[in-house]
Amino acid sequence: MQVRNSITLIGNLGSNPKTATLPSGRLATEFSLATNDYYKDKDGNRQTRTEWHKIKAYGKLAEVFDKHLVQGSQVCIAGALRYSKWIDKHDQVRVTAEIVADSFTFLSGGRQAAAEQELEEEVIQPSTNKPAKKRSRKKAVVATEDVIPF
């Protein structure tokens, strides 16, 4: 069995995607995604715990996110969990978790219909970066790269 770094989140965009062009010419997009967990407290009352996740995407996927997702859109994001380390202005080492998206599914909101048609026309495969055959239900785009200049 192959071991893979894989994470899937279902949530709502907390912000509109921010997009930049990398020195290589590829697009990079970043946004926050809110996910909710529910539990009962000691009195049996239902409580909500919201977690915020940093999502990054590159290439065609970044372009689709930038064009079609808006704050509040509900999506299912699949990708890899990555950690970034840096030293802040107080010389403290900081670590941030982020999800580098490699596919997604629209669940609601955003400019969904146009994006779904665009994705049916061109889906990028991770190994070849060539257009794949049209897909019927799941609208997915795959892209990889490691650094967004934000």
Protein backbone atom coordinates (compact mmCIF):
# COMPACT_ATOMS: atom_id res chain seq x y z
CA MET A 1 0.00 0.00 0.00
CA GLN A 2 1.35 3.38 -1.00
CA VAL A 3 1.51 6.00 1.75
CA ARG A 4 0.37 9.47 0.69
CA ASN A 5 0.03 12.85 2.38
CA SER A 6 -3.65 13.50 1.72
CA ILE A 7 -6.27 15.71 3.31
CA THR A 8 -9.87 16.49 2.38
CA LEU A 9 -11.82 19.41 3.85
CA ILE A 10 -15.38 20.60 3.35
CA GLY A 11 -15.98 24.20 4.30
CA ASN A 12 -16.75 27.77 3.31
CA LEU A 13 -14.34 30.37 1.97
CA GLY A 14 -13.61 32.95 4.63
CA SER A 15 -12.19 35.37 2.09
CA ASN A 16 -12.07 35.95 -1.63
CA PRO A 17 -9.06 34.22 -3.25
CA LYS A 18 -5.89 36.32 -3.55
CA THR A 19 -3.99 35.60 -6.75
CA ALA A 20 -0.46 36.46 -7.86
CA THR A 21 1.79 35.49 -10.74
CA LEU A 22 4.96 33.62 -9.77
CA PRO A 23 8.33 34.47 -11.39
CA SER A 24 7.86 31.32 -13.49
CA GLY A 25 4.66 32.82 -14.94
CA ARG A 26 2.33 30.36 -13.18
CA LEU A 27 -0.61 31.62 -11.15
CA ALA A 28 -0.78 31.10 -7.40
CA THR A 29 -3.94 31.56 -5.33
CA GLU A 30 -4.49 31.59 -1.58
CA PHE A 31 -7.62 31.81 0.58
CA SER A 32 -8.92 30.83 4.00
CA LEU A 33 -11.40 27.98 4.47
CA ALA A 34 -13.59 27.58 7.57
CA THR A 35 -14.60 24.09 8.68
CA ASN A 36 -16.96 23.21 11.52
CA ASP A 37 -17.01 20.36 14.00
CA TYR A 38 -19.93 19.76 16.33
CA TYR A 39 -19.92 18.31 19.82
CA LYS A 40 -22.05 18.27 22.96
CA ASP A 41 -20.86 20.07 26.06
CA LYS A 42 -21.17 18.66 29.58
CA ASP A 43 -24.82 19.85 29.74
CA GLY A 44 -25.72 18.12 26.47
CA ASN A 45 -25.94 21.33 24.44
CA ARG A 46 -24.70 21.21 20.86
CA GLN A 47 -21.60 23.35 20.35
CA THR A 48 -19.75 24.37 17.20
CA ARG A 49 -15.98 24.54 16.87
CA THR A 50 -14.73 26.40 13.77
CA GLU A 51 -11.22 25.82 12.43
CA TRP A 52 -9.55 28.04 9.83
CA HIS A 53 -7.28 26.58 7.16
CA LYS A 54 -4.93 28.27 4.68
CA ILE A 55 -5.51 26.88 1.18
CA LYS A 56 -3.04 27.36 -1.68
CA ALA A 57 -3.39 26.39 -5.34
CA TYR A 58 -1.28 26.74 -8.47
CA GLY A 59 -1.64 26.81 -12.25
CA LYS A 60 -5.03 26.04 -13.80
CA LEU A 61 -6.57 25.30 -10.40
CA ALA A 62 -5.46 28.74 -9.13
CA GLU A 63 -7.03 30.34 -12.19
CA VAL A 64 -10.35 28.54 -11.65
CA PHE A 65 -10.40 29.44 -7.93
CA ASP A 66 -9.68 33.09 -8.72
CA LYS A 67 -12.38 33.32 -11.39
CA HIS A 68 -15.16 31.35 -9.73
CA LEU A 69 -14.86 31.23 -5.94
CA VAL A 70 -16.01 34.01 -3.65
CA GLN A 71 -16.21 34.49 0.08
CA GLY A 72 -18.89 32.14 1.44
CA SER A 73 -18.64 29.55 -1.37
CA GLN A 74 -18.88 26.00 -0.03
CA VAL A 75 -16.31 23.61 -1.49
CA CYS A 76 -14.68 20.26 -0.89
CA ILE A 77 -10.90 20.67 -1.17
CA ALA A 78 -8.48 17.75 -1.50
CA GLY A 79 -4.73 18.16 -1.34
CA ALA A 80 -1.60 17.72 0.72
CA LEU A 81 -0.84 19.10 4.18
CA ARG A 82 2.34 21.19 4.19
CA TYR A 83 4.18 23.15 6.87
CA SER A 84 6.05 26.41 6.27
CA LYS A 85 8.71 27.64 8.71
CA TRP A 86 10.05 31.16 8.97
CA ILE A 87 11.64 33.53 11.49
CA ASP A 88 9.52 36.50 12.53
CA LYS A 89 10.71 40.03 13.32
CA HIS A 90 11.38 38.97 16.95
CA ASP A 91 13.68 36.13 15.79
CA GLN A 92 11.11 33.51 16.79
CA VAL A 93 10.65 30.43 14.62
CA ARG A 94 7.08 30.24 13.35
CA VAL A 95 5.32 27.33 11.68
CA THR A 96 2.14 27.49 9.61
CA ALA A 97 0.09 24.57 8.34
CA GLU A 98 -1.37 24.94 4.86
CA ILE A 99 -3.20 22.75 2.39
CA VAL A 100 -1.87 22.70 -1.17
CA ALA A 101 -4.99 21.87 -3.17
CA ASP A 102 -4.83 19.40 -6.03
CA SER A 103 -8.58 18.99 -6.65
CA PHE A 104 -11.92 20.32 -5.48
CA THR A 105 -15.66 20.02 -5.88
CA PHE A 106 -18.12 22.93 -5.85
CA LEU A 107 -20.83 22.36 -3.25
CA SER A 108 -22.57 25.76 -3.39
CA GLY A 109 -22.05 29.43 -4.00
CA GLY A 110 -19.54 31.16 -6.18
CA ARG A 111 -19.80 31.34 -9.93
CA GLN A 112 -20.41 27.60 -10.11
CA ALA A 113 -22.05 26.94 -13.48
CA ALA A 114 -19.40 28.71 -15.56
CA ALA A 115 -16.59 27.07 -13.61
CA GLU A 116 -18.07 23.60 -14.02
CA GLN A 117 -18.32 24.06 -17.77
CA GLU A 118 -14.73 25.34 -17.91
CA LEU A 119 -13.52 22.36 -15.92
CA GLU A 120 -15.39 19.92 -18.14
CA GLU A 121 -13.50 21.35 -21.11
CA GLU A 122 -10.04 21.06 -19.58
CA VAL A 123 -8.85 18.99 -16.63
CA ILE A 124 -5.13 18.87 -15.92
CA GLN A 125 -3.52 15.53 -14.97
CA PRO A 126 -0.68 15.70 -12.40
CA SER A 127 1.73 13.42 -14.25
CA THR A 128 1.40 14.79 -17.78
CA ASN A 129 0.01 18.34 -17.51
CA LYS A 130 -1.97 17.52 -20.66
CA PRO A 131 -5.72 17.91 -21.03
CA ALA A 132 -7.58 14.81 -19.91
CA LYS A 133 -10.85 13.36 -21.09
CA LYS A 134 -13.99 15.14 -19.98
CA ARG A 135 -15.33 14.06 -16.62
CA SER A 136 -18.99 13.78 -15.85
CA ARG A 137 -19.71 14.48 -12.19
CA LYS A 138 -16.64 15.42 -10.21
CA LYS A 139 -15.08 18.64 -11.40
CA ALA A 140 -11.40 18.46 -10.49
CA VAL A 141 -8.22 20.25 -11.47
CA VAL A 142 -4.75 19.21 -10.41
CA ALA A 143 -1.76 21.50 -9.96
CA THR A 144 1.43 21.57 -7.93
CA GLU A 145 4.10 24.06 -6.85
CA ASP A 146 5.39 25.02 -3.42
CA VAL A 147 5.65 28.77 -2.91
CA ILE A 148 3.10 31.57 -3.17
CA PRO A 149 4.59 35.08 -2.89
CA PHE A 150 2.16 36.42 -0.25
